[in-house]
Structures are given as structure tokens and as C-alpha cells.
């Protein structure tokens, strides 16, 4: 996989995720979705982060956690050839916290151009 393919896949996974999220679970605090595809010692990982504008409540967190595994399972079906050999992971975070860890994702996006 090269860098442009990884970037395109990030956009595809983001679109799939947005279409699958139950909008009833999302509050006014919801900001969007970030997708990071990067290399690890386990293979290529696809990490999905659901972003909030500010700190989220336990209730918001619990509702999203209930959607996490069905979401990952559904996305895996779109890529049956184990494209993401390191797995698909997800989390939810405030924009501020995501930006603090963004350097980790970016530093592992070492795909060929």
C-alpha cells in the first residue's frame, strides 16, 4: 500500500462509518470522525476515532461503546481480504485529546509514495 492509497482508504472508511452510525446516539457534542491507517508490528491498522467538541458524558460514552463492535464487524465485511492485517480499532475522544495523539498516527503512516 502506498501513501495515496492509504489516504483514499481513510476517506472510504470515514464515509462508511458516517453512514453506519446511528444518528440517534449522537449528541450536539458530536464533531465528526477521524480515520487513521498506519503501520504497526502487527500489520496495517485502521483506527477510527469518533470526535467530540468537549468532554463527553458517561452516557454518551456508553452509547457509543454499544455500537463499537457491530461497527467494526460491518467495516471488516467491506474489506474481506484482510487488508487491515493489524486489525480495525475504534475509540472516541475530544478533538483536543485526538490532536495530542495525532503525532503517533502520523509518525506511523510510513507508506511509500
N, C-alpha and C. Protein backbone atom coordinates (compact mmCIF):
# COMPACT_ATOMS: atom_id res chain seq x y z
N UNK A 1 0.85 -1.18 0.00
CA UNK A 1 0.00 0.00 0.00
C UNK A 1 0.89 1.24 0.00
N UNK A 2 0.54 2.19 -0.84
CA UNK A 2 1.31 3.44 -0.82
C UNK A 2 0.52 4.53 -0.09
N UNK A 3 1.15 5.68 0.06
CA UNK A 3 0.57 6.77 0.85
C UNK A 3 -0.78 7.23 0.29
N UNK A 4 -0.88 7.41 -1.01
CA UNK A 4 -2.14 7.90 -1.58
C UNK A 4 -3.25 6.85 -1.45
N UNK A 5 -2.92 5.57 -1.55
CA UNK A 5 -3.92 4.53 -1.35
C UNK A 5 -4.42 4.54 0.10
N UNK A 6 -3.50 4.73 1.04
CA UNK A 6 -3.88 4.79 2.45
C UNK A 6 -4.80 5.98 2.71
N UNK A 7 -4.47 7.13 2.11
CA UNK A 7 -5.30 8.32 2.29
C UNK A 7 -6.69 8.12 1.69
N UNK A 8 -6.76 7.48 0.53
CA UNK A 8 -8.05 7.19 -0.10
C UNK A 8 -8.87 6.24 0.77
N UNK A 9 -8.21 5.22 1.31
CA UNK A 9 -8.90 4.27 2.19
C UNK A 9 -9.42 4.95 3.44
N UNK A 10 -8.68 5.90 3.98
CA UNK A 10 -9.14 6.63 5.15
C UNK A 10 -10.47 7.33 4.84
N UNK A 11 -10.55 7.92 3.66
CA UNK A 11 -11.79 8.61 3.27
C UNK A 11 -12.94 7.62 3.07
N UNK A 12 -12.65 6.45 2.48
CA UNK A 12 -13.68 5.43 2.27
C UNK A 12 -14.20 4.91 3.62
N UNK A 13 -13.29 4.59 4.53
CA UNK A 13 -13.70 4.08 5.84
C UNK A 13 -14.48 5.16 6.60
N UNK A 14 -14.06 6.40 6.47
CA UNK A 14 -14.78 7.51 7.13
C UNK A 14 -16.21 7.59 6.60
N UNK A 15 -16.38 7.49 5.30
CA UNK A 15 -17.72 7.57 4.70
C UNK A 15 -18.58 6.38 5.13
N UNK A 16 -18.00 5.20 5.17
CA UNK A 16 -18.74 4.01 5.61
C UNK A 16 -19.18 4.20 7.06
N UNK A 17 -18.25 4.63 7.90
CA UNK A 17 -18.53 4.81 9.33
C UNK A 17 -19.64 5.84 9.54
N UNK A 18 -19.54 6.97 8.84
CA UNK A 18 -20.56 8.01 8.98
C UNK A 18 -21.93 7.50 8.58
N UNK A 19 -21.97 6.67 7.53
CA UNK A 19 -23.27 6.17 7.07
C UNK A 19 -23.85 5.13 8.03
N UNK A 20 -23.01 4.49 8.82
CA UNK A 20 -23.47 3.43 9.70
C UNK A 20 -23.80 3.90 11.12
N UNK A 21 -23.26 5.03 11.52
CA UNK A 21 -23.51 5.50 12.88
C UNK A 21 -24.98 5.85 13.04
N UNK A 22 -25.53 5.42 14.12
CA UNK A 22 -26.91 5.72 14.44
C UNK A 22 -26.97 7.16 14.94
N UNK A 23 -27.54 8.03 14.15
CA UNK A 23 -27.57 9.46 14.50
C UNK A 23 -28.31 9.72 15.79
N UNK A 24 -29.17 8.80 16.20
CA UNK A 24 -29.89 8.98 17.45
C UNK A 24 -28.95 8.87 18.64
N UNK A 25 -27.80 8.19 18.44
CA UNK A 25 -26.84 8.04 19.53
C UNK A 25 -25.97 9.28 19.69
N UNK A 26 -25.95 10.13 18.68
CA UNK A 26 -25.04 11.26 18.68
C UNK A 26 -25.72 12.49 19.28
N UNK A 27 -24.96 13.24 20.03
CA UNK A 27 -25.48 14.45 20.67
C UNK A 27 -24.97 15.67 19.93
N UNK A 28 -25.37 16.83 20.42
CA UNK A 28 -24.87 18.09 19.85
C UNK A 28 -23.37 18.24 20.06
N UNK A 29 -22.84 17.44 20.95
CA UNK A 29 -21.41 17.46 21.26
C UNK A 29 -20.58 16.74 20.19
N UNK A 30 -21.23 15.96 19.33
CA UNK A 30 -20.54 15.22 18.28
C UNK A 30 -19.90 16.17 17.29
N UNK A 31 -18.65 15.88 16.89
CA UNK A 31 -17.94 16.74 15.95
C UNK A 31 -17.65 16.09 14.61
N UNK A 32 -17.37 14.78 14.60
CA UNK A 32 -17.05 14.12 13.35
C UNK A 32 -16.27 12.85 13.60
N UNK A 33 -15.65 12.36 12.53
CA UNK A 33 -14.91 11.10 12.58
C UNK A 33 -13.53 11.32 11.98
N UNK A 34 -12.54 10.73 12.63
CA UNK A 34 -11.19 10.72 12.08
C UNK A 34 -10.81 9.26 11.84
N UNK A 35 -10.19 8.99 10.72
CA UNK A 35 -9.71 7.64 10.41
C UNK A 35 -8.22 7.72 10.14
N UNK A 36 -7.48 6.85 10.79
CA UNK A 36 -6.04 6.79 10.60
C UNK A 36 -5.64 5.37 10.24
N UNK A 37 -5.01 5.22 9.09
CA UNK A 37 -4.49 3.93 8.66
C UNK A 37 -2.98 4.03 8.76
N UNK A 38 -2.39 3.11 9.53
CA UNK A 38 -0.96 3.20 9.78
C UNK A 38 -0.35 1.81 9.96
N UNK A 39 0.96 1.76 9.89
CA UNK A 39 1.69 0.51 10.06
C UNK A 39 1.99 0.25 11.53
N UNK A 40 1.99 -1.02 11.89
CA UNK A 40 2.42 -1.43 13.23
C UNK A 40 3.18 -2.75 13.07
N UNK A 41 3.73 -3.24 14.15
CA UNK A 41 4.44 -4.52 14.07
C UNK A 41 3.48 -5.67 13.78
N UNK A 42 2.18 -5.44 13.92
CA UNK A 42 1.17 -6.46 13.66
C UNK A 42 0.61 -6.40 12.24
N UNK A 43 0.96 -5.34 11.52
CA UNK A 43 0.44 -5.14 10.17
C UNK A 43 -0.23 -3.78 10.06
N UNK A 44 -1.01 -3.62 9.02
CA UNK A 44 -1.69 -2.35 8.78
C UNK A 44 -2.92 -2.28 9.68
N UNK A 45 -3.02 -1.17 10.43
CA UNK A 45 -4.14 -0.95 11.35
C UNK A 45 -5.00 0.19 10.83
N UNK A 46 -6.30 0.01 10.98
CA UNK A 46 -7.26 1.07 10.68
C UNK A 46 -7.87 1.48 12.01
N UNK A 47 -7.63 2.73 12.42
CA UNK A 47 -8.18 3.21 13.68
C UNK A 47 -9.21 4.30 13.40
N UNK A 48 -10.39 4.11 13.96
CA UNK A 48 -11.50 5.05 13.79
C UNK A 48 -11.72 5.77 15.11
N UNK A 49 -11.73 7.10 15.07
CA UNK A 49 -11.98 7.89 16.27
C UNK A 49 -13.23 8.74 16.06
N UNK A 50 -14.18 8.59 16.95
CA UNK A 50 -15.37 9.43 16.93
C UNK A 50 -15.05 10.64 17.80
N UNK A 51 -15.15 11.81 17.21
CA UNK A 51 -14.70 13.04 17.87
C UNK A 51 -15.84 13.84 18.49
N UNK A 52 -15.55 14.36 19.67
CA UNK A 52 -16.49 15.23 20.38
C UNK A 52 -15.85 16.61 20.53
N UNK A 53 -16.69 17.63 20.58
CA UNK A 53 -16.22 19.01 20.73
C UNK A 53 -15.63 19.26 22.11
N UNK A 54 -16.23 18.66 23.12
CA UNK A 54 -15.78 18.86 24.51
C UNK A 54 -15.94 17.53 25.25
N UNK A 55 -15.56 17.52 26.49
CA UNK A 55 -15.66 16.30 27.29
C UNK A 55 -17.07 15.71 27.17
N UNK A 56 -17.13 14.40 27.02
CA UNK A 56 -18.42 13.74 26.83
C UNK A 56 -18.86 13.07 28.13
N UNK A 57 -20.14 12.84 28.20
CA UNK A 57 -20.70 12.23 29.41
C UNK A 57 -20.52 10.72 29.38
N UNK A 58 -20.68 10.11 30.54
CA UNK A 58 -20.61 8.65 30.63
C UNK A 58 -21.70 8.04 29.76
N UNK A 59 -22.86 8.65 29.74
CA UNK A 59 -23.96 8.15 28.93
C UNK A 59 -23.60 8.16 27.44
N UNK A 60 -23.00 9.27 26.97
CA UNK A 60 -22.57 9.34 25.57
C UNK A 60 -21.54 8.26 25.28
N UNK A 61 -20.61 8.09 26.17
CA UNK A 61 -19.57 7.08 26.00
C UNK A 61 -20.16 5.68 25.95
N UNK A 62 -21.05 5.37 26.87
CA UNK A 62 -21.68 4.04 26.91
C UNK A 62 -22.47 3.75 25.65
N UNK A 63 -23.19 4.75 25.15
CA UNK A 63 -23.98 4.55 23.93
C UNK A 63 -23.07 4.22 22.75
N UNK A 64 -21.95 4.93 22.64
CA UNK A 64 -21.04 4.66 21.53
C UNK A 64 -20.34 3.31 21.68
N UNK A 65 -20.02 2.94 22.90
CA UNK A 65 -19.37 1.64 23.12
C UNK A 65 -20.29 0.51 22.68
N UNK A 66 -21.59 0.70 22.83
CA UNK A 66 -22.53 -0.35 22.42
C UNK A 66 -22.54 -0.51 20.89
N UNK A 67 -22.12 0.51 20.18
CA UNK A 67 -22.07 0.48 18.71
C UNK A 67 -20.72 0.03 18.17
N UNK A 68 -19.71 0.02 19.01
CA UNK A 68 -18.34 -0.20 18.57
C UNK A 68 -18.14 -1.53 17.83
N UNK A 69 -18.49 -2.62 18.46
CA UNK A 69 -18.20 -3.92 17.85
C UNK A 69 -19.03 -4.21 16.60
N UNK A 70 -20.32 -3.89 16.60
CA UNK A 70 -21.07 -4.06 15.34
C UNK A 70 -20.49 -3.21 14.21
N UNK A 71 -20.02 -2.01 14.54
CA UNK A 71 -19.43 -1.12 13.55
C UNK A 71 -18.16 -1.74 12.97
N UNK A 72 -17.27 -2.21 13.83
CA UNK A 72 -16.02 -2.83 13.37
C UNK A 72 -16.31 -4.08 12.54
N UNK A 73 -17.25 -4.88 12.99
CA UNK A 73 -17.61 -6.10 12.25
C UNK A 73 -18.13 -5.75 10.86
N UNK A 74 -18.96 -4.74 10.77
CA UNK A 74 -19.51 -4.33 9.47
C UNK A 74 -18.43 -3.79 8.55
N UNK A 75 -17.53 -2.99 9.08
CA UNK A 75 -16.45 -2.45 8.25
C UNK A 75 -15.53 -3.57 7.78
N UNK A 76 -15.28 -4.54 8.63
CA UNK A 76 -14.45 -5.68 8.25
C UNK A 76 -15.04 -6.39 7.04
N UNK A 77 -16.35 -6.46 6.94
CA UNK A 77 -17.01 -7.12 5.81
C UNK A 77 -16.73 -6.40 4.49
N UNK A 78 -16.47 -5.10 4.55
CA UNK A 78 -16.17 -4.35 3.34
C UNK A 78 -14.77 -4.68 2.82
N UNK A 79 -13.91 -5.19 3.68
CA UNK A 79 -12.52 -5.49 3.33
C UNK A 79 -12.18 -6.93 3.73
N UNK A 80 -12.81 -7.91 3.04
CA UNK A 80 -12.68 -9.31 3.46
C UNK A 80 -11.30 -9.92 3.23
N UNK A 81 -10.47 -9.28 2.45
CA UNK A 81 -9.17 -9.88 2.14
C UNK A 81 -8.10 -9.56 3.18
N UNK A 82 -8.54 -9.18 4.38
CA UNK A 82 -7.61 -8.87 5.48
C UNK A 82 -6.68 -7.72 5.12
N UNK A 83 -7.21 -6.74 4.43
CA UNK A 83 -6.43 -5.56 4.07
C UNK A 83 -5.82 -4.94 5.32
N UNK A 84 -6.60 -4.90 6.39
CA UNK A 84 -6.11 -4.35 7.65
C UNK A 84 -5.62 -5.51 8.52
N UNK A 85 -4.46 -6.01 8.17
CA UNK A 85 -3.93 -7.21 8.83
C UNK A 85 -3.66 -7.00 10.31
N UNK A 86 -3.47 -5.77 10.73
CA UNK A 86 -3.27 -5.46 12.14
C UNK A 86 -4.57 -5.25 12.88
N UNK A 87 -5.67 -5.20 12.15
CA UNK A 87 -6.98 -5.07 12.76
C UNK A 87 -7.62 -3.71 12.56
N UNK A 88 -8.86 -3.63 12.97
CA UNK A 88 -9.62 -2.38 12.96
C UNK A 88 -9.95 -2.07 14.41
N UNK A 89 -9.60 -0.88 14.84
CA UNK A 89 -9.86 -0.46 16.21
C UNK A 89 -10.68 0.82 16.19
N UNK A 90 -11.30 1.11 17.31
CA UNK A 90 -12.04 2.37 17.38
C UNK A 90 -12.00 2.93 18.80
N UNK A 91 -12.23 4.22 18.87
CA UNK A 91 -12.29 4.90 20.15
C UNK A 91 -13.12 6.16 19.97
N UNK A 92 -13.34 6.87 21.06
CA UNK A 92 -13.96 8.18 20.97
C UNK A 92 -13.17 9.11 21.88
N UNK A 93 -13.10 10.35 21.44
CA UNK A 93 -12.21 11.30 22.09
C UNK A 93 -12.68 12.72 21.83
N UNK A 94 -12.19 13.64 22.65
CA UNK A 94 -12.41 15.04 22.32
C UNK A 94 -11.43 15.41 21.21
N UNK A 95 -11.73 16.44 20.49
CA UNK A 95 -10.84 16.90 19.42
C UNK A 95 -9.47 17.24 20.00
N UNK A 96 -9.47 17.89 21.15
CA UNK A 96 -8.21 18.29 21.79
C UNK A 96 -7.33 17.07 22.09
N UNK A 97 -7.90 16.04 22.67
CA UNK A 97 -7.11 14.84 23.01
C UNK A 97 -6.65 14.12 21.75
N UNK A 98 -7.52 14.04 20.75
CA UNK A 98 -7.13 13.40 19.49
C UNK A 98 -5.92 14.12 18.89
N UNK A 99 -5.95 15.44 18.88
CA UNK A 99 -4.85 16.20 18.30
C UNK A 99 -3.54 15.99 19.07
N UNK A 100 -3.62 15.73 20.36
CA UNK A 100 -2.41 15.43 21.14
C UNK A 100 -1.76 14.14 20.70
N UNK A 101 -2.58 13.16 20.31
CA UNK A 101 -2.06 11.86 19.91
C UNK A 101 -1.90 11.72 18.40
N UNK A 102 -2.27 12.72 17.67
CA UNK A 102 -2.21 12.68 16.21
C UNK A 102 -0.78 12.42 15.72
N UNK A 103 0.19 12.91 16.44
CA UNK A 103 1.59 12.71 16.05
C UNK A 103 1.93 11.23 16.00
N UNK A 104 1.39 10.44 16.92
CA UNK A 104 1.63 8.99 16.92
C UNK A 104 1.14 8.38 15.62
N UNK A 105 -0.11 8.70 15.23
CA UNK A 105 -0.66 8.14 14.00
C UNK A 105 0.16 8.59 12.80
N UNK A 106 0.44 9.87 12.74
CA UNK A 106 1.18 10.41 11.59
C UNK A 106 2.57 9.81 11.48
N UNK A 107 3.23 9.59 12.61
CA UNK A 107 4.59 9.04 12.56
C UNK A 107 4.62 7.59 12.10
N UNK A 108 3.49 6.91 12.20
CA UNK A 108 3.43 5.52 11.75
C UNK A 108 2.82 5.34 10.37
N UNK A 109 2.49 6.45 9.74
CA UNK A 109 1.98 6.41 8.37
C UNK A 109 3.15 6.44 7.40
N UNK A 110 4.01 5.46 7.53
CA UNK A 110 5.22 5.44 6.73
C UNK A 110 5.06 4.56 5.49
N UNK A 111 4.10 4.92 4.67
CA UNK A 111 3.86 4.22 3.42
C UNK A 111 4.71 4.83 2.32
N UNK A 112 5.02 4.04 1.34
CA UNK A 112 5.77 4.52 0.18
C UNK A 112 4.90 5.50 -0.61
N UNK A 113 5.53 6.49 -1.23
CA UNK A 113 4.77 7.43 -2.07
C UNK A 113 4.44 6.84 -3.42
